PDB file of N, CA and C in Angstrom:
ATOM      1  N   MET A   1     -32.563  34.532   7.100  1.00  0.00           N
ATOM      2  CA  MET A   1     -32.099  36.077   7.638  1.00  0.00           C
ATOM      3  C   MET A   1     -31.221  36.338   8.585  1.00  0.00           C
ATOM      4  N   SER A   2     -29.988  36.814   8.248  1.00  0.00           N
ATOM      5  CA  SER A   2     -29.381  37.572   9.436  1.00  0.00           C
ATOM      6  C   SER A   2     -29.325  38.704  10.248  1.00  0.00           C
ATOM      7  N   THR A   3     -28.930  39.013  11.261  1.00  0.00           N
ATOM      8  CA  THR A   3     -28.853  40.444  11.982  1.00  0.00           C
ATOM      9  C   THR A   3     -27.940  40.431  12.803  1.00  0.00           C
ATOM     10  N   SER A   4     -27.211  41.800  13.097  1.00  0.00           N
ATOM     11  CA  SER A   4     -26.151  41.536  13.778  1.00  0.00           C
ATOM     12  C   SER A   4     -26.983  42.300  15.120  1.00  0.00           C
ATOM     13  N   ILE A   5     -25.820  41.981  16.436  1.00  0.00           N
ATOM     14  CA  ILE A   5     -26.215  42.646  17.685  1.00  0.00           C
ATOM     15  C   ILE A   5     -24.843  43.162  17.926  1.00  0.00           C
ATOM     16  N   ARG A   6     -24.901  44.309  18.306  1.00  0.00           N
ATOM     17  CA  ARG A   6     -23.633  45.470  18.647  1.00  0.00           C
ATOM     18  C   ARG A   6     -23.744  44.818  20.367  1.00  0.00           C
ATOM     19  N   VAL A   7     -22.239  44.390  20.822  1.00  0.00           N
ATOM     20  CA  VAL A   7     -21.976  44.426  22.164  1.00  0.00           C
ATOM     21  C   VAL A   7     -20.738  44.898  22.626  1.00  0.00           C
ATOM     22  N   THR A   8     -20.615  45.333  24.000  1.00  0.00           N
ATOM     23  CA  THR A   8     -19.031  45.471  24.153  1.00  0.00           C
ATOM     24  C   THR A   8     -18.502  44.234  24.507  1.00  0.00           C
ATOM     25  N   ASP A   9     -17.056  44.240  24.488  1.00  0.00           N
ATOM     26  CA  ASP A   9     -15.928  43.492  24.394  1.00  0.00           C
ATOM     27  C   ASP A   9     -16.069  42.670  25.411  1.00  0.00           C
ATOM     28  N   GLU A  10     -16.384  42.958  26.631  1.00  0.00           N
ATOM     29  CA  GLU A  10     -16.999  42.221  27.828  1.00  0.00           C
ATOM     30  C   GLU A  10     -17.945  41.787  28.042  1.00  0.00           C
ATOM     31  N   THR A  11     -19.013  42.352  27.447  1.00  0.00           N
ATOM     32  CA  THR A  11     -20.423  42.054  27.468  1.00  0.00           C
ATOM     33  C   THR A  11     -20.391  39.949  26.398  1.00  0.00           C
ATOM     34  N   LYS A  12     -19.463  40.092  25.221  1.00  0.00           N
ATOM     35  CA  LYS A  12     -18.964  38.895  24.540  1.00  0.00           C
ATOM     36  C   LYS A  12     -18.563  37.937  25.423  1.00  0.00           C
ATOM     37  N   ARG A  13     -17.617  38.728  26.177  1.00  0.00           N
ATOM     38  CA  ARG A  13     -17.069  37.641  27.003  1.00  0.00           C
ATOM     39  C   ARG A  13     -17.259  37.021  28.230  1.00  0.00           C
ATOM     40  N   LYS A  14     -18.008  37.327  28.809  1.00  0.00           N
ATOM     41  CA  LYS A  14     -19.413  36.977  29.669  1.00  0.00           C
ATOM     42  C   LYS A  14     -20.105  35.871  28.882  1.00  0.00           C
ATOM     43  N   LEU A  15     -20.807  36.411  27.752  1.00  0.00           N
ATOM     44  CA  LEU A  15     -21.506  35.564  27.025  1.00  0.00           C
ATOM     45  C   LEU A  15     -20.618  34.264  26.765  1.00  0.00           C
ATOM     46  N   SER A  16     -19.045  34.357  26.126  1.00  0.00           N
ATOM     47  CA  SER A  16     -18.832  33.493  25.908  1.00  0.00           C
ATOM     48  C   SER A  16     -18.378  32.383  26.816  1.00  0.00           C
ATOM     49  N   LYS A  17     -18.562  32.436  28.128  1.00  0.00           N
ATOM     50  CA  LYS A  17     -18.420  31.938  29.194  1.00  0.00           C
ATOM     51  C   LYS A  17     -19.973  30.835  29.261  1.00  0.00           C
ATOM     52  N   LEU A  18     -20.891  31.390  29.028  1.00  0.00           N
ATOM     53  CA  LEU A  18     -22.434  31.009  29.027  1.00  0.00           C
ATOM     54  C   LEU A  18     -22.295  30.373  28.081  1.00  0.00           C
ATOM     55  N   LYS A  19     -21.899  30.310  26.827  1.00  0.00           N
ATOM     56  CA  LYS A  19     -22.489  29.195  25.635  1.00  0.00           C
ATOM     57  C   LYS A  19     -21.520  27.987  25.630  1.00  0.00           C
ATOM     58  N   ARG A  20     -22.304  26.908  25.170  1.00  0.00           N
ATOM     59  CA  ARG A  20     -21.705  25.748  25.450  1.00  0.00           C
ATOM     60  C   ARG A  20     -20.929  25.780  23.681  1.00  0.00           C
ATOM     61  N   ASP A  21     -19.975  24.728  23.642  1.00  0.00           N
ATOM     62  CA  ASP A  21     -19.053  24.596  22.709  1.00  0.00           C
ATOM     63  C   ASP A  21     -19.779  24.104  21.660  1.00  0.00           C
ATOM     64  N   ASP A  22     -20.561  23.114  22.035  1.00  0.00           N
ATOM     65  CA  ASP A  22     -21.260  22.845  20.460  1.00  0.00           C
ATOM     66  C   ASP A  22     -22.997  23.239  19.943  1.00  0.00           C
ATOM     67  N   GLU A  23     -22.833  24.660  20.765  1.00  0.00           N
ATOM     68  CA  GLU A  23     -23.830  25.475  20.214  1.00  0.00           C
ATOM     69  C   GLU A  23     -23.095  26.153  19.342  1.00  0.00           C
ATOM     70  N   THR A  24     -24.064  26.909  18.534  1.00  0.00           N
ATOM     71  CA  THR A  24     -24.142  28.027  17.689  1.00  0.00           C
ATOM     72  C   THR A  24     -24.665  29.277  18.511  1.00  0.00           C
ATOM     73  N   TRP A  25     -24.185  30.504  17.916  1.00  0.00           N
ATOM     74  CA  TRP A  25     -24.465  31.390  18.624  1.00  0.00           C
ATOM     75  C   TRP A  25     -26.078  32.004  19.079  1.00  0.00           C
ATOM     76  N   ASP A  26     -26.978  31.450  17.490  1.00  0.00           N
ATOM     77  CA  ASP A  26     -27.957  31.679  17.309  1.00  0.00           C
ATOM     78  C   ASP A  26     -28.779  30.330  18.775  1.00  0.00           C
ATOM     79  N   GLU A  27     -28.427  29.198  18.796  1.00  0.00           N
ATOM     80  CA  GLU A  27     -28.956  28.503  19.450  1.00  0.00           C
ATOM     81  C   GLU A  27     -28.608  28.754  20.611  1.00  0.00           C
ATOM     82  N   PHE A  28     -27.173  29.329  21.351  1.00  0.00           N
ATOM     83  CA  PHE A  28     -27.219  30.087  22.598  1.00  0.00           C
ATOM     84  C   PHE A  28     -28.106  30.929  23.049  1.00  0.00           C
ATOM     85  N   LEU A  29     -28.349  31.927  22.489  1.00  0.00           N
ATOM     86  CA  LEU A  29     -29.157  32.869  22.640  1.00  0.00           C
ATOM     87  C   LEU A  29     -30.299  32.449  22.611  1.00  0.00           C
ATOM     88  N   ASP A  30     -31.219  31.762  22.133  1.00  0.00           N
ATOM     89  CA  ASP A  30     -32.282  31.085  22.053  1.00  0.00           C
ATOM     90  C   ASP A  30     -32.636  30.042  23.221  1.00  0.00           C
ATOM     91  N   ARG A  31     -31.537  29.301  23.457  1.00  0.00           N
ATOM     92  CA  ARG A  31     -31.389  28.974  24.989  1.00  0.00           C
ATOM     93  C   ARG A  31     -31.749  29.847  26.212  1.00  0.00           C
ATOM     94  N   LEU A  32     -31.439  30.724  26.033  1.00  0.00           N
ATOM     95  CA  LEU A  32     -31.088  31.935  27.225  1.00  0.00           C
ATOM     96  C   LEU A  32     -32.870  32.283  27.078  1.00  0.00           C
ATOM     97  N   ALA A  33     -32.595  33.049  25.832  1.00  0.00           N
ATOM     98  CA  ALA A  33     -34.197  33.225  25.738  1.00  0.00           C
ATOM     99  C   ALA A  33     -35.581  32.554  26.391  1.00  0.00           C
ATOM    100  N   ASN A  34     -35.488  31.864  25.803  1.00  0.00           N
ATOM    101  CA  ASN A  34     -36.604  30.509  26.394  1.00  0.00           C
ATOM    102  C   ASN A  34     -36.805  29.846  27.999  1.00  0.00           C
ATOM    103  N   ASN A  35     -35.292  30.145  28.291  1.00  0.00           N
ATOM    104  CA  ASN A  35     -34.620  29.856  29.654  1.00  0.00           C
ATOM    105  C   ASN A  35     -35.899  30.412  31.074  1.00  0.00           C
ATOM    106  N   GLU A  36     -36.636  29.131  31.532  1.00  0.00           N
ATOM    107  CA  GLU A  36     -37.677  29.825  32.354  1.00  0.00           C
ATOM    108  C   GLU A  36     -37.404  29.906  33.864  1.00  0.00           C
ATOM    109  N   GLU A  37     -35.785  29.771  33.849  1.00  0.00           N
ATOM    110  CA  GLU A  37     -35.182  30.439  35.436  1.00  0.00           C
ATOM    111  C   GLU A  37     -34.062  31.319  35.262  1.00  0.00           C
ATOM    112  N   PRO A  38     -34.393  32.784  35.471  1.00  0.00           N
ATOM    113  CA  PRO A  38     -33.177  33.945  35.136  1.00  0.00           C
ATOM    114  C   PRO A  38     -31.798  32.755  35.341  1.00  0.00           C
ATOM    115  N   ILE A  39     -31.136  33.541  34.864  1.00  0.00           N
ATOM    116  CA  ILE A  39     -29.766  33.422  34.932  1.00  0.00           C
ATOM    117  C   ILE A  39     -29.015  33.706  36.195  1.00  0.00           C
ATOM    118  N   ASN A  40     -28.480  33.021  37.011  1.00  0.00           N
ATOM    119  CA  ASN A  40     -28.058  33.985  38.665  1.00  0.00           C
ATOM    120  C   ASN A  40     -26.939  32.681  38.948  1.00  0.00           C
ATOM    121  N   VAL A  41     -25.881  33.049  38.179  1.00  0.00           N
ATOM    122  CA  VAL A  41     -24.416  32.617  38.010  1.00  0.00           C
ATOM    123  C   VAL A  41     -23.656  32.760  39.357  1.00  0.00           C
ATOM    124  N   GLY A  42     -23.478  31.665  39.673  1.00  0.00           N
ATOM    125  CA  GLY A  42     -22.786  31.930  40.865  1.00  0.00           C
ATOM    126  C   GLY A  42     -23.355  32.600  42.643  1.00  0.00           C
ATOM    127  N   ALA A  43     -25.078  32.500  42.367  1.00  0.00           N
ATOM    128  CA  ALA A  43     -25.481  33.508  43.217  1.00  0.00           C
ATOM    129  C   ALA A  43     -25.632  32.078  44.955  1.00  0.00           C
ATOM    130  N   TRP A  44     -25.682  32.591  45.469  1.00  0.00           N
ATOM    131  CA  TRP A  44     -26.133  31.920  46.376  1.00  0.00           C
ATOM    132  C   TRP A  44     -27.104  32.443  47.459  1.00  0.00           C
ATOM    133  N   SER A  45     -27.971  31.566  48.592  1.00  0.00           N
ATOM    134  CA  SER A  45     -28.705  32.353  49.099  1.00  0.00           C
ATOM    135  C   SER A  45     -28.050  32.371  50.375  1.00  0.00           C
ATOM    136  N   ASP A  46     -28.523  33.555  51.532  1.00  0.00           N
ATOM    137  CA  ASP A  46     -27.768  33.711  52.742  1.00  0.00           C
ATOM    138  C   ASP A  46     -27.347  32.429  53.333  1.00  0.00           C
ATOM    139  N   GLU A  47     -28.438  31.388  53.536  1.00  0.00           N
ATOM    140  CA  GLU A  47     -28.314  30.177  54.376  1.00  0.00           C
ATOM    141  C   GLU A  47     -27.035  29.560  53.235  1.00  0.00           C
ATOM    142  N   GLU A  48     -27.415  29.285  52.286  1.00  0.00           N
ATOM    143  CA  GLU A  48     -25.881  28.508  51.663  1.00  0.00           C
ATOM    144  C   GLU A  48     -24.879  29.054  51.815  1.00  0.00           C
ATOM    145  N   ALA A  49     -24.922  30.160  51.409  1.00  0.00           N
ATOM    146  CA  ALA A  49     -23.343  31.107  51.821  1.00  0.00           C
ATOM    147  C   ALA A  49     -22.968  30.642  53.683  1.00  0.00           C
ATOM    148  N   GLU A  50     -23.661  30.975  54.080  1.00  0.00           N
ATOM    149  CA  GLU A  50     -23.231  30.773  55.306  1.00  0.00           C
ATOM    150  C   GLU A  50     -22.947  29.302  55.902  1.00  0.00           C
ATOM    151  N   ARG A  51     -23.412  28.175  55.089  1.00  0.00           N
ATOM    152  CA  ARG A  51     -22.834  26.330  55.653  1.00  0.00           C
ATOM    153  C   ARG A  51     -21.735  26.603  54.474  1.00  0.00           C
ATOM    154  N   ALA A  52     -21.488  26.982  53.605  1.00  0.00           N
ATOM    155  CA  ALA A  52     -20.058  27.059  53.099  1.00  0.00           C
ATOM    156  C   ALA A  52     -19.583  27.790  53.829  1.00  0.00           C
ATOM    157  N   ARG A  53     -19.447  29.070  54.407  1.00  0.00           N
ATOM    158  CA  ARG A  53     -18.024  29.548  55.509  1.00  0.00           C
ATOM    159  C   ARG A  53     -17.974  28.721  56.694  1.00  0.00           C
ATOM    160  N   ASP A  54     -19.206  27.760  57.034  1.00  0.00           N
ATOM    161  CA  ASP A  54     -19.052  27.203  58.248  1.00  0.00           C
ATOM    162  C   ASP A  54     -18.117  25.650  57.818  1.00  0.00           C
ATOM    163  N   ALA A  55     -18.301  25.298  56.344  1.00  0.00           N
ATOM    164  CA  ALA A  55     -17.624  24.178  56.245  1.00  0.00           C
ATOM    165  C   ALA A  55     -16.055  24.436  55.754  1.00  0.00           C
ATOM    166  N   VAL A  56     -15.834  26.124  55.194  1.00  0.00           N
ATOM    167  CA  VAL A  56     -14.854  26.366  55.111  1.00  0.00           C
ATOM    168  C   VAL A  56     -13.737  26.580  56.207  1.00  0.00           C
ATOM    169  N   ASP A  57     -14.591  27.386  57.435  1.00  0.00           N
ATOM    170  CA  ASP A  57     -14.044  27.527  58.900  1.00  0.00           C
ATOM    171  C   ASP A  57     -13.883  26.049  59.590  1.00  0.00           C
ATOM    172  N   ARG A  58     -14.538  24.780  59.451  1.00  0.00           N
ATOM    173  CA  ARG A  58     -14.319  23.699  59.903  1.00  0.00           C
ATOM    174  C   ARG A  58     -13.136  22.922  59.292  1.00  0.00           C
ATOM    175  N   SER A  59     -12.633  23.089  58.159  1.00  0.00           N
ATOM    176  CA  SER A  59     -11.730  22.356  57.221  1.00  0.00           C
ATOM    177  C   SER A  59     -10.651  23.009  57.705  1.00  0.00           C
ATOM    178  N   ARG A  60     -10.602  24.612  57.876  1.00  0.00           N
ATOM    179  CA  ARG A  60      -9.512  25.382  58.168  1.00  0.00           C
ATOM    180  C   ARG A  60      -8.975  24.708  59.956  1.00  0.00           C
ATOM    181  N   GLU A  61      -9.929  24.375  60.855  1.00  0.00           N
ATOM    182  CA  GLU A  61      -9.702  24.179  62.215  1.00  0.00           C
ATOM    183  C   GLU A  61      -9.032  22.774  61.977  1.00  0.00           C
ATOM    184  N   SER A  62      -9.406  21.803  61.276  1.00  0.00           N
ATOM    185  CA  SER A  62      -8.928  20.485  61.364  1.00  0.00           C
ATOM    186  C   SER A  62      -7.600  20.683  60.870  1.00  0.00           C
ATOM    187  N   PHE A  63      -6.622  21.452  60.458  1.00  0.00           N
ATOM    188  CA  PHE A  63      -5.657  21.076  59.473  1.00  0.00           C
ATOM    189  C   PHE A  63      -4.853  22.282  60.813  1.00  0.00           C
ATOM    190  N   GLU A  64      -5.238  22.972  61.400  1.00  0.00           N
ATOM    191  CA  GLU A  64      -4.707  23.571  62.814  1.00  0.00           C
ATOM    192  C   GLU A  64      -4.181  22.804  63.958  1.00  0.00           C
ATOM    193  N   ARG A  65      -4.709  21.278  64.105  1.00  0.00           N
ATOM    194  CA  ARG A  65      -4.582  20.497  65.229  1.00  0.00           C
ATOM    195  C   ARG A  65      -3.742  19.902  64.412  1.00  0.00           C
TER     196      ARG A  65
END
């Protein structure tokens, strides 16, 4: 049985970035539906973001010397 799901071009573009090259769309959607952890692409905690900012600042300072 086949079902069509309508999505906007923007949504399709976002999903295509998450889909692995070696999986079908059905496998991809099944993986997302069964994933225990929510997809949180690129999200850092405040602590992680602060550490990253500090690392960038230290790197910039080292080039200024």
